[in-house]
Protein backbone atom coordinates (compact mmCIF):
# COMPACT_ATOMS: atom_id res chain seq x y z
CA UNK A 1 0.00 0.00 0.00
CA UNK A 2 1.28 3.48 -0.88
CA UNK A 3 1.48 6.62 1.19
CA UNK A 4 -1.82 8.33 1.91
CA UNK A 5 -2.48 12.06 2.17
CA UNK A 6 -2.45 13.30 5.78
CA UNK A 7 -5.44 15.57 4.99
CA UNK A 8 -7.91 13.44 3.07
CA UNK A 9 -6.49 9.88 3.32
CA UNK A 10 -6.30 9.41 -0.48
CA UNK A 11 -3.41 7.60 -2.18
CA UNK A 12 -0.68 10.05 -3.23
CA UNK A 13 1.73 10.12 -6.12
CA UNK A 14 5.46 10.78 -6.11
CA UNK A 15 6.58 13.99 -7.83
CA UNK A 16 10.31 13.74 -7.14
CA UNK A 17 12.76 11.38 -5.40
CA UNK A 18 16.32 12.14 -4.34
CA UNK A 19 18.84 11.11 -1.75
CA UNK A 20 18.48 13.12 1.47
CA UNK A 21 21.43 15.29 2.62
CA UNK A 22 22.35 12.76 5.33
CA UNK A 23 22.85 10.13 2.60
CA UNK A 24 21.08 7.43 4.59
CA UNK A 25 17.54 8.13 3.43
CA UNK A 26 15.49 8.90 0.35
CA UNK A 27 13.50 12.13 0.22
CA UNK A 28 10.25 11.94 -1.76
CA UNK A 29 8.09 14.91 -2.68
CA UNK A 30 4.45 13.77 -2.93
CA UNK A 31 1.15 15.23 -4.09
CA UNK A 32 -2.44 14.23 -3.39
CA UNK A 33 -4.53 14.04 -6.60
CA UNK A 34 -7.74 14.58 -4.59
CA UNK A 35 -7.02 17.72 -2.51
CA UNK A 36 -3.78 18.92 -4.17
CA UNK A 37 -1.77 19.02 -0.94
CA UNK A 38 1.98 18.51 -1.30
CA UNK A 39 4.26 17.08 1.38
CA UNK A 40 7.64 15.39 1.82
CA UNK A 41 8.40 11.92 3.15
CA UNK A 42 11.71 10.35 4.09
CA UNK A 43 12.38 6.65 3.70
CA UNK A 44 15.12 5.15 5.80
CA UNK A 45 16.47 1.62 5.98
CA UNK A 46 15.17 -0.20 9.03
CA UNK A 47 18.21 -1.55 10.89
CA UNK A 48 18.36 -5.29 11.46
CA UNK A 49 17.58 -6.23 15.05
CA UNK A 50 20.72 -6.66 17.12
CA UNK A 51 21.42 -8.19 20.50
CA UNK A 52 23.31 -6.71 23.41
CA UNK A 53 25.37 -9.15 25.43
CA UNK A 54 25.29 -8.08 29.06
CA UNK A 55 28.19 -8.63 31.49
CA UNK A 56 26.51 -11.70 32.99
CA UNK A 57 26.06 -13.25 29.53
CA UNK A 58 22.36 -12.43 29.27
CA UNK A 59 21.16 -11.26 25.85
CA UNK A 60 18.59 -8.59 25.13
CA UNK A 61 17.53 -6.57 22.11
CA UNK A 62 19.45 -3.38 21.36
CA UNK A 63 17.36 -0.52 22.73
CA UNK A 64 18.19 2.84 21.17
CA UNK A 65 15.93 4.63 23.66
CA UNK A 66 17.97 3.29 26.57
CA UNK A 67 21.23 4.31 24.90
CA UNK A 68 19.91 7.77 24.04
CA UNK A 69 18.82 8.29 27.67
CA UNK A 70 22.28 7.36 28.96
CA UNK A 71 23.97 9.73 26.50
CA UNK A 72 21.58 12.57 27.26
CA UNK A 73 22.23 12.10 30.97
CA UNK A 74 25.98 12.34 30.35
CA UNK A 75 25.46 15.44 28.23
CA UNK A 76 23.15 17.15 30.73
CA UNK A 77 24.07 20.83 31.09
CA UNK A 78 26.74 20.44 28.41
CA UNK A 79 26.81 22.33 25.08
CA UNK A 80 25.57 19.30 23.12
CA UNK A 81 22.43 19.19 21.01
CA UNK A 82 19.93 16.36 20.92
CA UNK A 83 20.74 16.06 17.21
CA UNK A 84 24.39 15.32 18.10
CA UNK A 85 23.31 12.63 20.55
CA UNK A 86 20.85 11.15 18.06
CA UNK A 87 23.65 10.91 15.49
CA UNK A 88 25.81 9.00 17.99
CA UNK A 89 22.94 6.60 18.70
CA UNK A 90 22.41 6.13 14.94
CA UNK A 91 26.07 5.27 14.37
CA UNK A 92 26.21 2.81 17.26
CA UNK A 93 22.93 1.22 16.16
CA UNK A 94 24.36 0.73 12.66
CA UNK A 95 27.45 -1.00 14.13
CA UNK A 96 25.18 -3.24 16.21
CA UNK A 97 23.00 -3.97 13.19
CA UNK A 98 25.99 -4.78 10.96
CA UNK A 99 27.54 -7.19 13.48
CA UNK A 100 24.26 -8.60 14.84
CA UNK A 101 25.42 -8.26 18.44
CA UNK A 102 27.50 -6.01 20.68
CA UNK A 103 28.71 -6.40 24.24
CA UNK A 104 27.87 -3.73 26.77
CA UNK A 105 31.62 -3.08 27.08
CA UNK A 106 31.89 -2.42 23.34
CA UNK A 107 28.89 -0.09 23.41
CA UNK A 108 30.55 1.82 26.24
CA UNK A 109 33.78 2.07 24.24
CA UNK A 110 31.92 3.36 21.18
CA UNK A 111 30.06 5.94 23.27
CA UNK A 112 33.29 7.14 24.87
CA UNK A 113 35.01 7.46 21.50
CA UNK A 114 32.12 9.53 20.13
CA UNK A 115 31.81 11.72 23.23
CA UNK A 116 35.55 12.34 23.44
CA UNK A 117 35.46 14.07 20.05
CA UNK A 118 32.23 15.91 20.85
CA UNK A 119 32.64 17.22 24.42
CA UNK A 120 35.23 16.30 27.04
CA UNK A 121 32.87 17.06 29.95
CA UNK A 122 30.20 14.70 28.61
CA UNK A 123 32.94 12.12 28.01
CA UNK A 124 33.98 12.30 31.68
CA UNK A 125 30.35 12.18 32.84
CA UNK A 126 29.73 9.03 30.80
CA UNK A 127 33.02 7.48 31.92
CA UNK A 128 31.91 7.94 35.53
CA UNK A 129 28.78 5.86 34.91
CA UNK A 130 30.71 2.82 33.66
CA UNK A 131 31.67 0.05 36.06
CA UNK A 132 35.38 -0.48 36.66
CA UNK A 133 37.12 -2.94 34.34
CA UNK A 134 37.11 -6.59 35.40
CA UNK A 135 40.86 -6.43 36.09
CA UNK A 136 40.32 -3.67 38.67
CA UNK A 137 37.68 -5.74 40.47
CA UNK A 138 39.91 -8.83 40.66
CA UNK A 139 42.86 -6.80 41.90
CA UNK A 140 44.93 -7.35 38.74
CA UNK A 141 45.00 -3.66 37.82
CA UNK A 142 48.18 -1.63 37.75
CA UNK A 143 47.95 1.03 40.49
CA UNK A 144 50.40 3.22 38.56
CA UNK A 145 47.87 3.53 35.72
CA UNK A 146 44.78 3.99 37.86
CA UNK A 147 43.38 7.50 38.15
CA UNK A 148 41.41 6.49 41.24
CA UNK A 149 44.44 5.61 43.39
CA UNK A 150 45.69 8.57 45.42
CA UNK A 151 49.43 8.95 45.29
CA UNK A 152 51.34 10.52 48.13
CA UNK A 153 54.81 11.96 47.87
CA UNK A 154 57.09 9.94 50.21
CA UNK A 155 58.79 13.21 51.21
CA UNK A 156 55.57 14.83 52.44
CA UNK A 157 53.91 13.97 55.76
CA UNK A 158 50.82 11.75 55.66
CA UNK A 159 47.62 13.68 55.02
CA UNK A 160 46.13 12.89 58.42
CA UNK A 161 49.23 14.18 60.21
CA UNK A 162 49.23 17.31 58.08
CA UNK A 163 45.59 17.97 59.00
CA UNK A 164 46.29 17.48 62.70
CA UNK A 165 49.10 19.99 62.48
CA UNK A 166 46.76 22.57 61.00
CA UNK A 167 44.05 21.97 63.60
CA UNK A 168 46.35 22.46 66.61
C-alpha atoms as a PDB file:
ATOM      1  CA  UNK A   1       0.000   0.000   0.000  1.00  0.00           C
ATOM      2  CA  UNK A   2       1.278   3.481  -0.884  1.00  0.00           C
ATOM      3  CA  UNK A   3       1.475   6.620   1.187  1.00  0.00           C
ATOM      4  CA  UNK A   4      -1.819   8.330   1.911  1.00  0.00           C
ATOM      5  CA  UNK A   5      -2.481  12.059   2.171  1.00  0.00           C
ATOM      6  CA  UNK A   6      -2.451  13.296   5.776  1.00  0.00           C
ATOM      7  CA  UNK A   7      -5.439  15.569   4.991  1.00  0.00           C
ATOM      8  CA  UNK A   8      -7.906  13.441   3.069  1.00  0.00           C
ATOM      9  CA  UNK A   9      -6.494   9.883   3.318  1.00  0.00           C
ATOM     10  CA  UNK A  10      -6.302   9.411  -0.476  1.00  0.00           C
ATOM     11  CA  UNK A  11      -3.408   7.601  -2.181  1.00  0.00           C
ATOM     12  CA  UNK A  12      -0.684  10.047  -3.228  1.00  0.00           C
ATOM     13  CA  UNK A  13       1.725  10.116  -6.124  1.00  0.00           C
ATOM     14  CA  UNK A  14       5.462  10.782  -6.115  1.00  0.00           C
ATOM     15  CA  UNK A  15       6.585  13.990  -7.834  1.00  0.00           C
ATOM     16  CA  UNK A  16      10.307  13.743  -7.144  1.00  0.00           C
ATOM     17  CA  UNK A  17      12.761  11.384  -5.398  1.00  0.00           C
ATOM     18  CA  UNK A  18      16.315  12.135  -4.337  1.00  0.00           C
ATOM     19  CA  UNK A  19      18.844  11.106  -1.754  1.00  0.00           C
ATOM     20  CA  UNK A  20      18.482  13.121   1.468  1.00  0.00           C
ATOM     21  CA  UNK A  21      21.435  15.289   2.622  1.00  0.00           C
ATOM     22  CA  UNK A  22      22.351  12.756   5.330  1.00  0.00           C
ATOM     23  CA  UNK A  23      22.853  10.131   2.597  1.00  0.00           C
ATOM     24  CA  UNK A  24      21.082   7.427   4.586  1.00  0.00           C
ATOM     25  CA  UNK A  25      17.543   8.129   3.428  1.00  0.00           C
ATOM     26  CA  UNK A  26      15.491   8.901   0.350  1.00  0.00           C
ATOM     27  CA  UNK A  27      13.499  12.127   0.219  1.00  0.00           C
ATOM     28  CA  UNK A  28      10.253  11.944  -1.763  1.00  0.00           C
ATOM     29  CA  UNK A  29       8.086  14.913  -2.682  1.00  0.00           C
ATOM     30  CA  UNK A  30       4.453  13.768  -2.929  1.00  0.00           C
ATOM     31  CA  UNK A  31       1.149  15.230  -4.086  1.00  0.00           C
ATOM     32  CA  UNK A  32      -2.444  14.231  -3.387  1.00  0.00           C
ATOM     33  CA  UNK A  33      -4.532  14.040  -6.602  1.00  0.00           C
ATOM     34  CA  UNK A  34      -7.738  14.582  -4.586  1.00  0.00           C
ATOM     35  CA  UNK A  35      -7.021  17.720  -2.505  1.00  0.00           C
ATOM     36  CA  UNK A  36      -3.781  18.919  -4.171  1.00  0.00           C
ATOM     37  CA  UNK A  37      -1.774  19.016  -0.943  1.00  0.00           C
ATOM     38  CA  UNK A  38       1.984  18.509  -1.295  1.00  0.00           C
ATOM     39  CA  UNK A  39       4.261  17.075   1.376  1.00  0.00           C
ATOM     40  CA  UNK A  40       7.638  15.386   1.816  1.00  0.00           C
ATOM     41  CA  UNK A  41       8.397  11.919   3.152  1.00  0.00           C
ATOM     42  CA  UNK A  42      11.714  10.346   4.089  1.00  0.00           C
ATOM     43  CA  UNK A  43      12.378   6.651   3.701  1.00  0.00           C
ATOM     44  CA  UNK A  44      15.120   5.146   5.801  1.00  0.00           C
ATOM     45  CA  UNK A  45      16.468   1.621   5.985  1.00  0.00           C
ATOM     46  CA  UNK A  46      15.167  -0.203   9.028  1.00  0.00           C
ATOM     47  CA  UNK A  47      18.212  -1.547  10.890  1.00  0.00           C
ATOM     48  CA  UNK A  48      18.359  -5.287  11.457  1.00  0.00           C
ATOM     49  CA  UNK A  49      17.582  -6.225  15.048  1.00  0.00           C
ATOM     50  CA  UNK A  50      20.721  -6.657  17.116  1.00  0.00           C
ATOM     51  CA  UNK A  51      21.416  -8.188  20.499  1.00  0.00           C
ATOM     52  CA  UNK A  52      23.312  -6.710  23.408  1.00  0.00           C
ATOM     53  CA  UNK A  53      25.372  -9.152  25.431  1.00  0.00           C
ATOM     54  CA  UNK A  54      25.287  -8.081  29.064  1.00  0.00           C
ATOM     55  CA  UNK A  55      28.187  -8.627  31.487  1.00  0.00           C
ATOM     56  CA  UNK A  56      26.507 -11.698  32.995  1.00  0.00           C
ATOM     57  CA  UNK A  57      26.061 -13.251  29.530  1.00  0.00           C
ATOM     58  CA  UNK A  58      22.358 -12.428  29.268  1.00  0.00           C
ATOM     59  CA  UNK A  59      21.163 -11.256  25.854  1.00  0.00           C
ATOM     60  CA  UNK A  60      18.592  -8.591  25.130  1.00  0.00           C
ATOM     61  CA  UNK A  61      17.528  -6.567  22.110  1.00  0.00           C
ATOM     62  CA  UNK A  62      19.448  -3.376  21.357  1.00  0.00           C
ATOM     63  CA  UNK A  63      17.362  -0.518  22.727  1.00  0.00           C
ATOM     64  CA  UNK A  64      18.191   2.837  21.174  1.00  0.00           C
ATOM     65  CA  UNK A  65      15.926   4.633  23.664  1.00  0.00           C
ATOM     66  CA  UNK A  66      17.972   3.293  26.571  1.00  0.00           C
ATOM     67  CA  UNK A  67      21.233   4.305  24.902  1.00  0.00           C
ATOM     68  CA  UNK A  68      19.907   7.773  24.045  1.00  0.00           C
ATOM     69  CA  UNK A  69      18.818   8.290  27.667  1.00  0.00           C
ATOM     70  CA  UNK A  70      22.281   7.364  28.963  1.00  0.00           C
ATOM     71  CA  UNK A  71      23.970   9.725  26.504  1.00  0.00           C
ATOM     72  CA  UNK A  72      21.579  12.573  27.264  1.00  0.00           C
ATOM     73  CA  UNK A  73      22.225  12.100  30.970  1.00  0.00           C
ATOM     74  CA  UNK A  74      25.981  12.338  30.346  1.00  0.00           C
ATOM     75  CA  UNK A  75      25.459  15.444  28.228  1.00  0.00           C
ATOM     76  CA  UNK A  76      23.154  17.149  30.733  1.00  0.00           C
ATOM     77  CA  UNK A  77      24.069  20.831  31.091  1.00  0.00           C
ATOM     78  CA  UNK A  78      26.736  20.444  28.406  1.00  0.00           C
ATOM     79  CA  UNK A  79      26.814  22.327  25.081  1.00  0.00           C
ATOM     80  CA  UNK A  80      25.572  19.303  23.124  1.00  0.00           C
ATOM     81  CA  UNK A  81      22.432  19.192  21.012  1.00  0.00           C
ATOM     82  CA  UNK A  82      19.927  16.364  20.916  1.00  0.00           C
ATOM     83  CA  UNK A  83      20.738  16.060  17.213  1.00  0.00           C
ATOM     84  CA  UNK A  84      24.386  15.320  18.097  1.00  0.00           C
ATOM     85  CA  UNK A  85      23.314  12.629  20.554  1.00  0.00           C
ATOM     86  CA  UNK A  86      20.850  11.147  18.059  1.00  0.00           C
ATOM     87  CA  UNK A  87      23.654  10.910  15.489  1.00  0.00           C
ATOM     88  CA  UNK A  88      25.806   8.995  17.995  1.00  0.00           C
ATOM     89  CA  UNK A  89      22.943   6.597  18.698  1.00  0.00           C
ATOM     90  CA  UNK A  90      22.409   6.131  14.942  1.00  0.00           C
ATOM     91  CA  UNK A  91      26.073   5.272  14.369  1.00  0.00           C
ATOM     92  CA  UNK A  92      26.206   2.812  17.265  1.00  0.00           C
ATOM     93  CA  UNK A  93      22.931   1.219  16.158  1.00  0.00           C
ATOM     94  CA  UNK A  94      24.362   0.728  12.663  1.00  0.00           C
ATOM     95  CA  UNK A  95      27.453  -0.997  14.126  1.00  0.00           C
ATOM     96  CA  UNK A  96      25.178  -3.237  16.205  1.00  0.00           C
ATOM     97  CA  UNK A  97      23.000  -3.968  13.185  1.00  0.00           C
ATOM     98  CA  UNK A  98      25.991  -4.781  10.964  1.00  0.00           C
ATOM     99  CA  UNK A  99      27.536  -7.191  13.484  1.00  0.00           C
ATOM    100  CA  UNK A 100      24.257  -8.604  14.842  1.00  0.00           C
ATOM    101  CA  UNK A 101      25.420  -8.258  18.442  1.00  0.00           C
ATOM    102  CA  UNK A 102      27.502  -6.014  20.678  1.00  0.00           C
ATOM    103  CA  UNK A 103      28.709  -6.404  24.239  1.00  0.00           C
ATOM    104  CA  UNK A 104      27.870  -3.726  26.767  1.00  0.00           C
ATOM    105  CA  UNK A 105      31.616  -3.084  27.085  1.00  0.00           C
ATOM    106  CA  UNK A 106      31.889  -2.424  23.339  1.00  0.00           C
ATOM    107  CA  UNK A 107      28.887  -0.094  23.405  1.00  0.00           C
ATOM    108  CA  UNK A 108      30.551   1.818  26.243  1.00  0.00           C
ATOM    109  CA  UNK A 109      33.782   2.074  24.242  1.00  0.00           C
ATOM    110  CA  UNK A 110      31.922   3.359  21.178  1.00  0.00           C
ATOM    111  CA  UNK A 111      30.062   5.937  23.272  1.00  0.00           C
ATOM    112  CA  UNK A 112      33.293   7.139  24.869  1.00  0.00           C
ATOM    113  CA  UNK A 113      35.012   7.462  21.504  1.00  0.00           C
ATOM    114  CA  UNK A 114      32.124   9.527  20.134  1.00  0.00           C
ATOM    115  CA  UNK A 115      31.808  11.723  23.232  1.00  0.00           C
ATOM    116  CA  UNK A 116      35.548  12.344  23.436  1.00  0.00           C
ATOM    117  CA  UNK A 117      35.464  14.074  20.052  1.00  0.00           C
ATOM    118  CA  UNK A 118      32.228  15.908  20.848  1.00  0.00           C
ATOM    119  CA  UNK A 119      32.637  17.217  24.422  1.00  0.00           C
ATOM    120  CA  UNK A 120      35.231  16.298  27.045  1.00  0.00           C
ATOM    121  CA  UNK A 121      32.874  17.059  29.947  1.00  0.00           C
ATOM    122  CA  UNK A 122      30.204  14.696  28.615  1.00  0.00           C
ATOM    123  CA  UNK A 123      32.944  12.119  28.012  1.00  0.00           C
ATOM    124  CA  UNK A 124      33.977  12.305  31.677  1.00  0.00           C
ATOM    125  CA  UNK A 125      30.347  12.180  32.843  1.00  0.00           C
ATOM    126  CA  UNK A 126      29.728   9.027  30.798  1.00  0.00           C
ATOM    127  CA  UNK A 127      33.022   7.480  31.918  1.00  0.00           C
ATOM    128  CA  UNK A 128      31.910   7.936  35.535  1.00  0.00           C
ATOM    129  CA  UNK A 129      28.783   5.860  34.908  1.00  0.00           C
ATOM    130  CA  UNK A 130      30.707   2.821  33.663  1.00  0.00           C
ATOM    131  CA  UNK A 131      31.668   0.049  36.063  1.00  0.00           C
ATOM    132  CA  UNK A 132      35.380  -0.481  36.661  1.00  0.00           C
ATOM    133  CA  UNK A 133      37.122  -2.935  34.337  1.00  0.00           C
ATOM    134  CA  UNK A 134      37.109  -6.590  35.405  1.00  0.00           C
ATOM    135  CA  UNK A 135      40.864  -6.426  36.091  1.00  0.00           C
ATOM    136  CA  UNK A 136      40.318  -3.669  38.668  1.00  0.00           C
ATOM    137  CA  UNK A 137      37.678  -5.741  40.472  1.00  0.00           C
ATOM    138  CA  UNK A 138      39.906  -8.833  40.660  1.00  0.00           C
ATOM    139  CA  UNK A 139      42.865  -6.803  41.900  1.00  0.00           C
ATOM    140  CA  UNK A 140      44.931  -7.347  38.739  1.00  0.00           C
ATOM    141  CA  UNK A 141      45.005  -3.657  37.821  1.00  0.00           C
ATOM    142  CA  UNK A 142      48.176  -1.634  37.749  1.00  0.00           C
ATOM    143  CA  UNK A 143      47.953   1.030  40.490  1.00  0.00           C
ATOM    144  CA  UNK A 144      50.402   3.217  38.564  1.00  0.00           C
ATOM    145  CA  UNK A 145      47.866   3.529  35.715  1.00  0.00           C
ATOM    146  CA  UNK A 146      44.776   3.990  37.864  1.00  0.00           C
ATOM    147  CA  UNK A 147      43.378   7.499  38.153  1.00  0.00           C
ATOM    148  CA  UNK A 148      41.411   6.494  41.240  1.00  0.00           C
ATOM    149  CA  UNK A 149      44.444   5.608  43.391  1.00  0.00           C
ATOM    150  CA  UNK A 150      45.685   8.571  45.420  1.00  0.00           C
ATOM    151  CA  UNK A 151      49.433   8.951  45.293  1.00  0.00           C
ATOM    152  CA  UNK A 152      51.339  10.520  48.132  1.00  0.00           C
ATOM    153  CA  UNK A 153      54.811  11.958  47.869  1.00  0.00           C
ATOM    154  CA  UNK A 154      57.087   9.941  50.207  1.00  0.00           C
ATOM    155  CA  UNK A 155      58.794  13.206  51.209  1.00  0.00           C
ATOM    156  CA  UNK A 156      55.565  14.826  52.440  1.00  0.00           C
ATOM    157  CA  UNK A 157      53.912  13.967  55.760  1.00  0.00           C
ATOM    158  CA  UNK A 158      50.822  11.748  55.663  1.00  0.00           C
ATOM    159  CA  UNK A 159      47.618  13.678  55.021  1.00  0.00           C
ATOM    160  CA  UNK A 160      46.126  12.886  58.419  1.00  0.00           C
ATOM    161  CA  UNK A 161      49.233  14.179  60.213  1.00  0.00           C
ATOM    162  CA  UNK A 162      49.235  17.314  58.076  1.00  0.00           C
ATOM    163  CA  UNK A 163      45.586  17.973  58.996  1.00  0.00           C
ATOM    164  CA  UNK A 164      46.295  17.476  62.702  1.00  0.00           C
ATOM    165  CA  UNK A 165      49.104  19.990  62.481  1.00  0.00           C
ATOM    166  CA  UNK A 166      46.760  22.572  61.001  1.00  0.00           C
ATOM    167  CA  UNK A 167      44.046  21.973  63.598  1.00  0.00           C
ATOM    168  CA  UNK A 168      46.352  22.461  66.612  1.00  0.00           C
END
